[in-house]
PDB file of N, CA and C in Angstrom:
ATOM      1  N   UNK A   1    -104.300  -8.157 172.970  1.00  0.00           N
ATOM      2  CA  UNK A   1    -103.297  -8.771 173.798  1.00  0.00           C
ATOM      3  C   UNK A   1    -103.036  -7.888 175.008  1.00  0.00           C
ATOM      4  N   UNK A   2    -102.952  -8.499 176.195  1.00  0.00           N
ATOM      5  CA  UNK A   2    -102.743  -7.743 177.424  1.00  0.00           C
ATOM      6  C   UNK A   2    -101.313  -7.239 177.518  1.00  0.00           C
ATOM      7  N   UNK A   3    -101.176  -6.016 177.999  1.00  0.00           N
ATOM      8  CA  UNK A   3     -99.852  -5.465 178.257  1.00  0.00           C
ATOM      9  C   UNK A   3     -99.378  -5.978 179.607  1.00  0.00           C
ATOM     10  N   UNK A   4     -98.080  -6.246 179.754  1.00  0.00           N
ATOM     11  CA  UNK A   4     -97.585  -6.645 181.070  1.00  0.00           C
ATOM     12  C   UNK A   4     -97.735  -5.491 182.047  1.00  0.00           C
ATOM     13  N   UNK A   5     -98.066  -5.815 183.282  1.00  0.00           N
ATOM     14  CA  UNK A   5     -98.218  -4.754 184.284  1.00  0.00           C
ATOM     15  C   UNK A   5     -96.846  -4.181 184.612  1.00  0.00           C
ATOM     16  N   UNK A   6     -96.783  -2.879 184.819  1.00  0.00           N
ATOM     17  CA  UNK A   6     -95.492  -2.272 185.135  1.00  0.00           C
ATOM     18  C   UNK A   6     -94.985  -2.784 186.483  1.00  0.00           C
ATOM     19  N   UNK A   7     -93.707  -2.930 186.570  1.00  0.00           N
ATOM     20  CA  UNK A   7     -93.096  -3.430 187.794  1.00  0.00           C
ATOM     21  C   UNK A   7     -93.308  -2.450 188.945  1.00  0.00           C
ATOM     22  N   UNK A   8     -93.588  -2.991 190.102  1.00  0.00           N
ATOM     23  CA  UNK A   8     -93.732  -2.157 191.295  1.00  0.00           C
ATOM     24  C   UNK A   8     -92.359  -1.746 191.827  1.00  0.00           C
ATOM     25  N   UNK A   9     -91.331  -2.342 191.239  1.00  0.00           N
ATOM     26  CA  UNK A   9     -89.959  -2.049 191.661  1.00  0.00           C
ATOM     27  C   UNK A   9     -89.406  -0.960 190.759  1.00  0.00           C
ATOM     28  N   UNK A  10     -88.971   0.130 191.371  1.00  0.00           N
ATOM     29  CA  UNK A  10     -88.370   1.201 190.584  1.00  0.00           C
ATOM     30  C   UNK A  10     -86.973   0.810 190.125  1.00  0.00           C
ATOM     31  N   UNK A  11     -86.430   1.556 189.178  1.00  0.00           N
ATOM     32  CA  UNK A  11     -85.108   1.210 188.640  1.00  0.00           C
ATOM     33  C   UNK A  11     -83.998   1.232 189.689  1.00  0.00           C
ATOM     34  N   UNK A  12     -84.083   2.151 190.650  1.00  0.00           N
ATOM     35  CA  UNK A  12     -83.049   2.216 191.694  1.00  0.00           C
ATOM     36  C   UNK A  12     -83.093   0.966 192.576  1.00  0.00           C
ATOM     37  N   UNK A  13     -84.303   0.584 192.977  1.00  0.00           N
ATOM     38  CA  UNK A  13     -84.449  -0.608 193.821  1.00  0.00           C
ATOM     39  C   UNK A  13     -84.090  -1.869 193.047  1.00  0.00           C
ATOM     40  N   UNK A  14     -84.437  -1.904 191.779  1.00  0.00           N
ATOM     41  CA  UNK A  14     -84.088  -3.065 190.954  1.00  0.00           C
ATOM     42  C   UNK A  14     -82.571  -3.229 190.905  1.00  0.00           C
ATOM     43  N   UNK A  15     -81.860  -2.134 190.727  1.00  0.00           N
ATOM     44  CA  UNK A  15     -80.397  -2.199 190.686  1.00  0.00           C
ATOM     45  C   UNK A  15     -79.841  -2.728 192.010  1.00  0.00           C
ATOM     46  N   UNK A  16     -80.413  -2.267 193.120  1.00  0.00           N
ATOM     47  CA  UNK A  16     -79.961  -2.750 194.432  1.00  0.00           C
ATOM     48  C   UNK A  16     -80.223  -4.246 194.581  1.00  0.00           C
ATOM     49  N   UNK A  17     -81.408  -4.687 194.174  1.00  0.00           N
ATOM     50  CA  UNK A  17     -81.742  -6.108 194.274  1.00  0.00           C
ATOM     51  C   UNK A  17     -80.832  -6.950 193.391  1.00  0.00           C
ATOM     52  N   UNK A  18     -80.515  -6.466 192.222  1.00  0.00           N
ATOM     53  CA  UNK A  18     -79.613  -7.205 191.333  1.00  0.00           C
ATOM     54  C   UNK A  18     -78.219  -7.309 191.944  1.00  0.00           C
ATOM     55  N   UNK A  19     -77.755  -6.240 192.556  1.00  0.00           N
ATOM     56  CA  UNK A  19     -76.443  -6.281 193.234  1.00  0.00           C
ATOM     57  C   UNK A  19     -76.473  -7.247 194.415  1.00  0.00           C
ATOM     58  N   UNK A  20     -77.580  -7.252 195.144  1.00  0.00           N
ATOM     59  CA  UNK A  20     -77.717  -8.169 196.283  1.00  0.00           C
ATOM     60  C   UNK A  20     -77.689  -9.620 195.797  1.00  0.00           C
ATOM     61  N   UNK A  21     -78.449  -9.925 194.751  1.00  0.00           N
ATOM     62  CA  UNK A  21     -78.502 -11.287 194.222  1.00  0.00           C
ATOM     63  C   UNK A  21     -77.129 -11.741 193.722  1.00  0.00           C
ATOM     64  N   UNK A  22     -76.332 -10.808 193.224  1.00  0.00           N
ATOM     65  CA  UNK A  22     -74.995 -11.126 192.722  1.00  0.00           C
ATOM     66  C   UNK A  22     -73.971 -11.236 193.848  1.00  0.00           C
ATOM     67  N   UNK A  23     -74.401 -10.967 195.085  1.00  0.00           N
ATOM     68  CA  UNK A  23     -73.489 -11.049 196.224  1.00  0.00           C
ATOM     69  C   UNK A  23     -72.633  -9.806 196.405  1.00  0.00           C
ATOM     70  N   UNK A  24     -73.012  -8.725 195.751  1.00  0.00           N
ATOM     71  CA  UNK A  24     -72.247  -7.484 195.830  1.00  0.00           C
ATOM     72  C   UNK A  24     -72.689  -6.580 196.968  1.00  0.00           C
ATOM     73  N   UNK A  25     -73.836  -6.899 197.591  1.00  0.00           N
ATOM     74  CA  UNK A  25     -74.371  -6.115 198.708  1.00  0.00           C
ATOM     75  C   UNK A  25     -74.859  -7.074 199.781  1.00  0.00           C
ATOM     76  N   UNK A  26     -74.960  -6.572 200.980  1.00  0.00           N
ATOM     77  CA  UNK A  26     -75.484  -7.374 202.088  1.00  0.00           C
ATOM     78  C   UNK A  26     -76.902  -6.926 202.413  1.00  0.00           C
ATOM     79  N   UNK A  27     -77.594  -7.762 203.189  1.00  0.00           N
ATOM     80  CA  UNK A  27     -78.930  -7.408 203.679  1.00  0.00           C
ATOM     81  C   UNK A  27     -78.842  -6.132 204.504  1.00  0.00           C
ATOM     82  N   UNK A  28     -77.803  -5.998 205.286  1.00  0.00           N
ATOM     83  CA  UNK A  28     -77.613  -4.793 206.105  1.00  0.00           C
ATOM     84  C   UNK A  28     -77.557  -3.545 205.211  1.00  0.00           C
ATOM     85  N   UNK A  29     -76.841  -3.638 204.104  1.00  0.00           N
ATOM     86  CA  UNK A  29     -76.754  -2.493 203.184  1.00  0.00           C
ATOM     87  C   UNK A  29     -78.107  -2.196 202.527  1.00  0.00           C
ATOM     88  N   UNK A  30     -78.866  -3.247 202.217  1.00  0.00           N
ATOM     89  CA  UNK A  30     -80.202  -3.014 201.661  1.00  0.00           C
ATOM     90  C   UNK A  30     -81.085  -2.272 202.665  1.00  0.00           C
ATOM     91  N   UNK A  31     -81.003  -2.663 203.937  1.00  0.00           N
ATOM     92  CA  UNK A  31     -81.803  -1.973 204.968  1.00  0.00           C
ATOM     93  C   UNK A  31     -81.408  -0.514 205.060  1.00  0.00           C
ATOM     94  N   UNK A  32     -80.123  -0.232 204.953  1.00  0.00           N
ATOM     95  CA  UNK A  32     -79.662   1.156 205.003  1.00  0.00           C
ATOM     96  C   UNK A  32     -80.184   1.969 203.815  1.00  0.00           C
ATOM     97  N   UNK A  33     -80.532   1.297 202.739  1.00  0.00           N
ATOM     98  CA  UNK A  33     -81.004   1.964 201.525  1.00  0.00           C
ATOM     99  C   UNK A  33     -82.522   1.882 201.355  1.00  0.00           C
ATOM    100  N   UNK A  34     -83.240   1.536 202.445  1.00  0.00           N
ATOM    101  CA  UNK A  34     -84.691   1.664 202.423  1.00  0.00           C
ATOM    102  C   UNK A  34     -85.510   0.394 202.409  1.00  0.00           C
ATOM    103  N   UNK A  35     -84.884  -0.782 202.340  1.00  0.00           N
ATOM    104  CA  UNK A  35     -85.646  -2.027 202.429  1.00  0.00           C
ATOM    105  C   UNK A  35     -85.839  -2.334 203.915  1.00  0.00           C
ATOM    106  N   UNK A  36     -87.085  -2.408 204.353  1.00  0.00           N
ATOM    107  CA  UNK A  36     -87.370  -2.587 205.771  1.00  0.00           C
ATOM    108  C   UNK A  36     -87.712  -4.013 206.147  1.00  0.00           C
ATOM    109  N   UNK A  37     -88.067  -4.818 205.174  1.00  0.00           N
ATOM    110  CA  UNK A  37     -88.578  -6.156 205.447  1.00  0.00           C
ATOM    111  C   UNK A  37     -87.948  -7.126 204.460  1.00  0.00           C
ATOM    112  N   UNK A  38     -87.412  -8.241 204.963  1.00  0.00           N
ATOM    113  CA  UNK A  38     -86.766  -9.209 204.077  1.00  0.00           C
ATOM    114  C   UNK A  38     -87.768  -9.852 203.124  1.00  0.00           C
ATOM    115  N   UNK A  39     -89.029  -9.916 203.526  1.00  0.00           N
ATOM    116  CA  UNK A  39     -90.063 -10.442 202.628  1.00  0.00           C
ATOM    117  C   UNK A  39     -90.163  -9.552 201.384  1.00  0.00           C
ATOM    118  N   UNK A  40     -90.004  -8.268 201.568  1.00  0.00           N
ATOM    119  CA  UNK A  40     -90.004  -7.320 200.447  1.00  0.00           C
ATOM    120  C   UNK A  40     -88.842  -7.621 199.501  1.00  0.00           C
ATOM    121  N   UNK A  41     -87.698  -7.956 200.071  1.00  0.00           N
ATOM    122  CA  UNK A  41     -86.525  -8.297 199.265  1.00  0.00           C
ATOM    123  C   UNK A  41     -86.791  -9.588 198.484  1.00  0.00           C
ATOM    124  N   UNK A  42     -87.293 -10.609 199.182  1.00  0.00           N
ATOM    125  CA  UNK A  42     -87.567 -11.882 198.519  1.00  0.00           C
ATOM    126  C   UNK A  42     -88.600 -11.720 197.415  1.00  0.00           C
ATOM    127  N   UNK A  43     -89.619 -10.922 197.674  1.00  0.00           N
ATOM    128  CA  UNK A  43     -90.652 -10.663 196.676  1.00  0.00           C
ATOM    129  C   UNK A  43     -90.058  -9.969 195.456  1.00  0.00           C
ATOM    130  N   UNK A  44     -89.237  -8.970 195.690  1.00  0.00           N
ATOM    131  CA  UNK A  44     -88.600  -8.250 194.585  1.00  0.00           C
ATOM    132  C   UNK A  44     -87.679  -9.148 193.776  1.00  0.00           C
ATOM    133  N   UNK A  45     -86.917  -9.982 194.466  1.00  0.00           N
ATOM    134  CA  UNK A  45     -86.039 -10.920 193.765  1.00  0.00           C
ATOM    135  C   UNK A  45     -86.868 -11.862 192.890  1.00  0.00           C
ATOM    136  N   UNK A  46     -87.970 -12.360 193.456  1.00  0.00           N
ATOM    137  CA  UNK A  46     -88.835 -13.259 192.700  1.00  0.00           C
ATOM    138  C   UNK A  46     -89.425 -12.590 191.474  1.00  0.00           C
ATOM    139  N   UNK A  47     -89.840 -11.346 191.633  1.00  0.00           N
ATOM    140  CA  UNK A  47     -90.422 -10.606 190.512  1.00  0.00           C
ATOM    141  C   UNK A  47     -89.405 -10.420 189.390  1.00  0.00           C
ATOM    142  N   UNK A  48     -88.130 -10.310 189.769  1.00  0.00           N
ATOM    143  CA  UNK A  48     -87.066 -10.129 188.778  1.00  0.00           C
ATOM    144  C   UNK A  48     -86.497 -11.461 188.282  1.00  0.00           C
ATOM    145  N   UNK A  49     -87.000 -12.554 188.831  1.00  0.00           N
ATOM    146  CA  UNK A  49     -86.487 -13.869 188.433  1.00  0.00           C
ATOM    147  C   UNK A  49     -85.122 -14.171 189.009  1.00  0.00           C
ATOM    148  N   UNK A  50     -84.823 -13.574 190.161  1.00  0.00           N
ATOM    149  CA  UNK A  50     -83.523 -13.753 190.810  1.00  0.00           C
ATOM    150  C   UNK A  50     -83.679 -14.543 192.100  1.00  0.00           C
ATOM    151  N   UNK A  51     -82.572 -15.052 192.597  1.00  0.00           N
ATOM    152  CA  UNK A  51     -82.560 -15.782 193.864  1.00  0.00           C
ATOM    153  C   UNK A  51     -81.691 -15.040 194.869  1.00  0.00           C
ATOM    154  N   UNK A  52     -81.953 -15.277 196.154  1.00  0.00           N
ATOM    155  CA  UNK A  52     -81.080 -14.666 197.164  1.00  0.00           C
ATOM    156  C   UNK A  52     -79.666 -15.234 197.037  1.00  0.00           C
ATOM    157  N   UNK A  53     -78.664 -14.459 197.413  1.00  0.00           N
ATOM    158  CA  UNK A  53     -77.299 -14.965 197.337  1.00  0.00           C
ATOM    159  C   UNK A  53     -77.074 -16.067 198.369  1.00  0.00           C
ATOM    160  N   UNK A  54     -76.132 -16.933 198.091  1.00  0.00           N
ATOM    161  CA  UNK A  54     -75.756 -17.982 199.035  1.00  0.00           C
ATOM    162  C   UNK A  54     -74.710 -17.403 199.970  1.00  0.00           C
ATOM    163  N   UNK A  55     -74.927 -17.595 201.260  1.00  0.00           N
ATOM    164  CA  UNK A  55     -73.982 -17.062 202.247  1.00  0.00           C
ATOM    165  C   UNK A  55     -72.624 -17.737 202.092  1.00  0.00           C
ATOM    166  N   UNK A  56     -71.586 -16.987 202.279  1.00  0.00           N
ATOM    167  CA  UNK A  56     -70.231 -17.528 202.197  1.00  0.00           C
ATOM    168  C   UNK A  56     -70.023 -18.562 203.294  1.00  0.00           C
ATOM    169  N   UNK A  57     -69.208 -19.542 202.986  1.00  0.00           N
ATOM    170  CA  UNK A  57     -68.923 -20.585 203.978  1.00  0.00           C
ATOM    171  C   UNK A  57     -67.663 -20.255 204.758  1.00  0.00           C
ATOM    172  N   UNK A  58     -67.702 -19.129 205.409  1.00  0.00           N
ATOM    173  CA  UNK A  58     -66.587 -18.731 206.262  1.00  0.00           C
ATOM    174  C   UNK A  58     -67.133 -17.931 207.435  1.00  0.00           C
ATOM    175  N   UNK A  59     -66.382 -17.887 208.501  1.00  0.00           N
ATOM    176  CA  UNK A  59     -66.763 -17.110 209.672  1.00  0.00           C
ATOM    177  C   UNK A  59     -68.103 -17.523 210.258  1.00  0.00           C
ATOM    178  N   UNK A  60     -68.875 -16.552 210.738  1.00  0.00           N
ATOM    179  CA  UNK A  60     -70.144 -16.856 211.405  1.00  0.00           C
ATOM    180  C   UNK A  60     -71.173 -17.490 210.465  1.00  0.00           C
ATOM    181  N   UNK A  61     -71.099 -17.191 209.167  1.00  0.00           N
ATOM    182  CA  UNK A  61     -72.035 -17.815 208.227  1.00  0.00           C
ATOM    183  C   UNK A  61     -71.856 -19.322 208.216  1.00  0.00           C
ATOM    184  N   UNK A  62     -70.623 -19.761 208.180  1.00  0.00           N
ATOM    185  CA  UNK A  62     -70.346 -21.195 208.156  1.00  0.00           C
ATOM    186  C   UNK A  62     -70.832 -21.844 209.442  1.00  0.00           C
ATOM    187  N   UNK A  63     -70.532 -21.215 210.572  1.00  0.00           N
ATOM    188  CA  UNK A  63     -70.944 -21.762 211.864  1.00  0.00           C
ATOM    189  C   UNK A  63     -72.467 -21.851 211.952  1.00  0.00           C
ATOM    190  N   UNK A  64     -73.161 -20.830 211.509  1.00  0.00           N
ATOM    191  CA  UNK A  64     -74.627 -20.834 211.552  1.00  0.00           C
ATOM    192  C   UNK A  64     -75.191 -21.912 210.633  1.00  0.00           C
ATOM    193  N   UNK A  65     -74.611 -22.063 209.456  1.00  0.00           N
ATOM    194  CA  UNK A  65     -75.085 -23.084 208.522  1.00  0.00           C
ATOM    195  C   UNK A  65     -74.839 -24.485 209.091  1.00  0.00           C
ATOM    196  N   UNK A  66     -73.674 -24.701 209.711  1.00  0.00           N
ATOM    197  CA  UNK A  66     -73.390 -26.009 210.310  1.00  0.00           C
ATOM    198  C   UNK A  66     -74.345 -26.312 211.460  1.00  0.00           C
ATOM    199  N   UNK A  67     -74.660 -25.298 212.278  1.00  0.00           N
ATOM    200  CA  UNK A  67     -75.628 -25.493 213.366  1.00  0.00           C
ATOM    201  C   UNK A  67     -76.999 -25.844 212.804  1.00  0.00           C
ATOM    202  N   UNK A  68     -77.407 -25.145 211.757  1.00  0.00           N
ATOM    203  CA  UNK A  68     -78.705 -25.411 211.131  1.00  0.00           C
ATOM    204  C   UNK A  68     -78.777 -26.817 210.566  1.00  0.00           C
ATOM    205  N   UNK A  69     -77.720 -27.251 209.921  1.00  0.00           N
ATOM    206  CA  UNK A  69     -77.690 -28.608 209.375  1.00  0.00           C
ATOM    207  C   UNK A  69     -77.750 -29.646 210.487  1.00  0.00           C
ATOM    208  N   UNK A  70     -77.064 -29.380 211.601  1.00  0.00           N
ATOM    209  CA  UNK A  70     -77.084 -30.311 212.730  1.00  0.00           C
ATOM    210  C   UNK A  70     -78.496 -30.424 213.308  1.00  0.00           C
ATOM    211  N   UNK A  71     -79.193 -29.305 213.400  1.00  0.00           N
ATOM    212  CA  UNK A  71     -80.566 -29.310 213.917  1.00  0.00           C
ATOM    213  C   UNK A  71     -81.470 -30.121 212.993  1.00  0.00           C
ATOM    214  N   UNK A  72     -81.308 -29.937 211.698  1.00  0.00           N
ATOM    215  CA  UNK A  72     -82.131 -30.685 210.733  1.00  0.00           C
ATOM    216  C   UNK A  72     -81.824 -32.176 210.810  1.00  0.00           C
ATOM    217  N   UNK A  73     -80.529 -32.541 210.876  1.00  0.00           N
ATOM    218  CA  UNK A  73     -80.162 -33.962 210.989  1.00  0.00           C
ATOM    219  C   UNK A  73     -80.775 -34.586 212.237  1.00  0.00           C
ATOM    220  N   UNK A  74     -80.703 -33.868 213.357  1.00  0.00           N
ATOM    221  CA  UNK A  74     -81.248 -34.374 214.611  1.00  0.00           C
ATOM    222  C   UNK A  74     -82.774 -34.553 214.491  1.00  0.00           C
ATOM    223  N   UNK A  75     -83.449 -33.597 213.879  1.00  0.00           N
ATOM    224  CA  UNK A  75     -84.910 -33.698 213.720  1.00  0.00           C
ATOM    225  C   UNK A  75     -85.273 -34.882 212.819  1.00  0.00           C
ATOM    226  N   UNK A  76     -84.489 -35.096 211.770  1.00  0.00           N
ATOM    227  CA  UNK A  76     -84.758 -36.221 210.872  1.00  0.00           C
ATOM    228  C   UNK A  76     -84.529 -37.555 211.571  1.00  0.00           C
ATOM    229  N   UNK A  77     -83.507 -37.642 212.393  1.00  0.00           N
ATOM    230  CA  UNK A  77     -83.253 -38.880 213.149  1.00  0.00           C
ATOM    231  C   UNK A  77     -84.382 -39.146 214.133  1.00  0.00           C
ATOM    232  N   UNK A  78     -84.916 -38.098 214.732  1.00  0.00           N
ATOM    233  CA  UNK A  78     -85.984 -38.248 215.726  1.00  0.00           C
ATOM    234  C   UNK A  78     -87.270 -38.759 215.083  1.00  0.00           C
ATOM    235  N   UNK A  79     -87.450 -38.528 213.788  1.00  0.00           N
ATOM    236  CA  UNK A  79     -88.664 -38.969 213.086  1.00  0.00           C
ATOM    237  C   UNK A  79     -88.623 -40.446 212.720  1.00  0.00           C
ATOM    238  N   UNK A  80     -87.463 -41.072 212.793  1.00  0.00           N
ATOM    239  CA  UNK A  80     -87.339 -42.486 212.394  1.00  0.00           C
ATOM    240  C   UNK A  80     -87.990 -43.403 213.379  1.00  0.00           C
TER     241      UNK A  80
END
C-alpha cells in the first residue's frame, strides 16, 4: 500500500492557512508572514481541504462585491 506523500506545507504555514480560512487573518497578514503569491495560498488551502474566507459585507468589501455583481449582471444581459 502506498504511503501518502508528505505535505509540502510546513506546520507553521499550515497554521497560518487555517487561521486565514477561518477569517482570523487577512491576505495582507499572510504576505507579511512569507506568502508571496495568492496562488500559493489557494493551493495550500486546497491541499488542506479548506476554502478561502468570504469577505465581509461591509465597507470597501461590500462596495467591491456590489460592483462585481453589477458587471456580471450587465455582461449576462448583453449575451441575451
